[in-house]
């Protein structure tokens, strides 16, 4: 049986991998955190925390980031799962 604490830790770990993927894509387009955070309507430190896996993405912010960067959400999630070493 899974414990809430273990599930929370796995969730935050996956958020970190999602953040890495978002950050790499953002930097590949030469966008700064400030540029993207202003477009998204969050402060730069909040976006930085999300990219570093220190704060979870809300679904709204995740989808807005993907849309703003021209990314397909399912591909970002797939790549994050690959980074995390998840099999399925």
Protein backbone atom coordinates (compact mmCIF):
# COMPACT_ATOMS: atom_id res chain seq x y z
CA UNK A 1 0.00 0.00 0.00
CA UNK A 2 1.32 3.42 -0.94
CA UNK A 3 1.68 6.09 1.65
CA UNK A 4 0.69 9.70 1.16
CA UNK A 5 4.23 10.85 1.96
CA UNK A 6 5.73 8.50 -0.64
CA UNK A 7 3.18 9.63 -3.27
CA UNK A 8 3.92 13.30 -2.49
CA UNK A 9 7.64 12.68 -2.88
CA UNK A 10 7.14 10.94 -6.25
CA UNK A 11 4.87 13.77 -7.39
CA UNK A 12 7.46 16.42 -6.48
CA UNK A 13 10.18 14.35 -8.15
CA UNK A 14 8.13 14.25 -11.35
CA UNK A 15 7.49 18.02 -11.05
CA UNK A 16 11.26 18.48 -10.99
CA UNK A 17 11.65 16.52 -14.22
CA UNK A 18 8.81 18.49 -15.82
CA UNK A 19 10.53 21.67 -14.72
CA UNK A 20 13.83 20.55 -16.25
CA UNK A 21 12.08 19.85 -19.53
CA UNK A 22 10.30 23.23 -19.51
CA UNK A 23 13.52 25.07 -18.61
CA UNK A 24 15.53 23.39 -21.37
CA UNK A 25 12.85 24.21 -23.93
CA UNK A 26 12.55 27.81 -22.67
CA UNK A 27 16.31 28.31 -22.82
CA UNK A 28 16.40 26.74 -26.29
CA UNK A 29 14.12 29.55 -27.45
CA UNK A 30 16.38 32.09 -25.66
CA UNK A 31 13.53 33.24 -23.39
CA UNK A 32 14.42 34.44 -19.93
CA UNK A 33 12.46 33.51 -16.84
CA UNK A 34 11.43 37.16 -16.65
CA UNK A 35 10.03 37.09 -20.22
CA UNK A 36 7.99 33.96 -19.63
CA UNK A 37 6.84 34.85 -16.12
CA UNK A 38 5.47 38.19 -17.33
CA UNK A 39 3.56 36.48 -20.14
CA UNK A 40 2.24 33.86 -17.73
CA UNK A 41 1.35 36.38 -15.02
CA UNK A 42 3.45 34.82 -12.24
CA UNK A 43 6.52 36.27 -10.61
CA UNK A 44 9.93 35.15 -11.81
CA UNK A 45 10.90 33.49 -8.53
CA UNK A 46 7.70 31.40 -8.59
CA UNK A 47 8.48 30.20 -12.13
CA UNK A 48 12.07 29.50 -11.13
CA UNK A 49 10.84 27.40 -8.19
CA UNK A 50 8.56 25.45 -10.55
CA UNK A 51 11.39 24.82 -13.03
CA UNK A 52 13.65 23.58 -10.21
CA UNK A 53 10.98 21.29 -8.78
CA UNK A 54 10.70 23.29 -5.56
CA UNK A 55 7.06 24.16 -6.20
CA UNK A 56 4.52 22.07 -8.12
CA UNK A 57 2.99 23.32 -11.34
CA UNK A 58 -0.72 24.01 -11.31
CA UNK A 59 -2.47 22.51 -14.30
CA UNK A 60 -3.28 26.03 -15.49
CA UNK A 61 0.35 27.16 -15.29
CA UNK A 62 1.62 23.98 -16.93
CA UNK A 63 -0.77 24.29 -19.86
CA UNK A 64 -0.10 28.03 -20.17
CA UNK A 65 3.66 27.44 -20.24
CA UNK A 66 3.31 24.74 -22.87
CA UNK A 67 1.06 26.96 -24.97
CA UNK A 68 3.35 29.98 -24.64
CA UNK A 69 6.41 27.97 -25.62
CA UNK A 70 4.64 26.06 -28.40
CA UNK A 71 5.08 22.73 -26.63
CA UNK A 72 2.74 19.76 -26.63
CA UNK A 73 1.85 18.94 -23.01
CA UNK A 74 1.85 15.19 -23.62
CA UNK A 75 5.39 15.37 -25.02
CA UNK A 76 6.64 17.36 -22.04
CA UNK A 77 5.11 14.77 -19.70
CA UNK A 78 6.50 11.87 -21.74
CA UNK A 79 9.99 13.40 -21.71
CA UNK A 80 9.76 14.02 -17.95
CA UNK A 81 8.78 10.40 -17.39
CA UNK A 82 11.75 9.26 -19.49
CA UNK A 83 14.08 11.49 -17.44
CA UNK A 84 12.63 9.99 -14.27
CA UNK A 85 13.20 6.46 -15.56
CA UNK A 86 9.55 5.43 -15.38
CA UNK A 87 8.85 2.37 -17.49
CA UNK A 88 5.25 3.01 -18.53
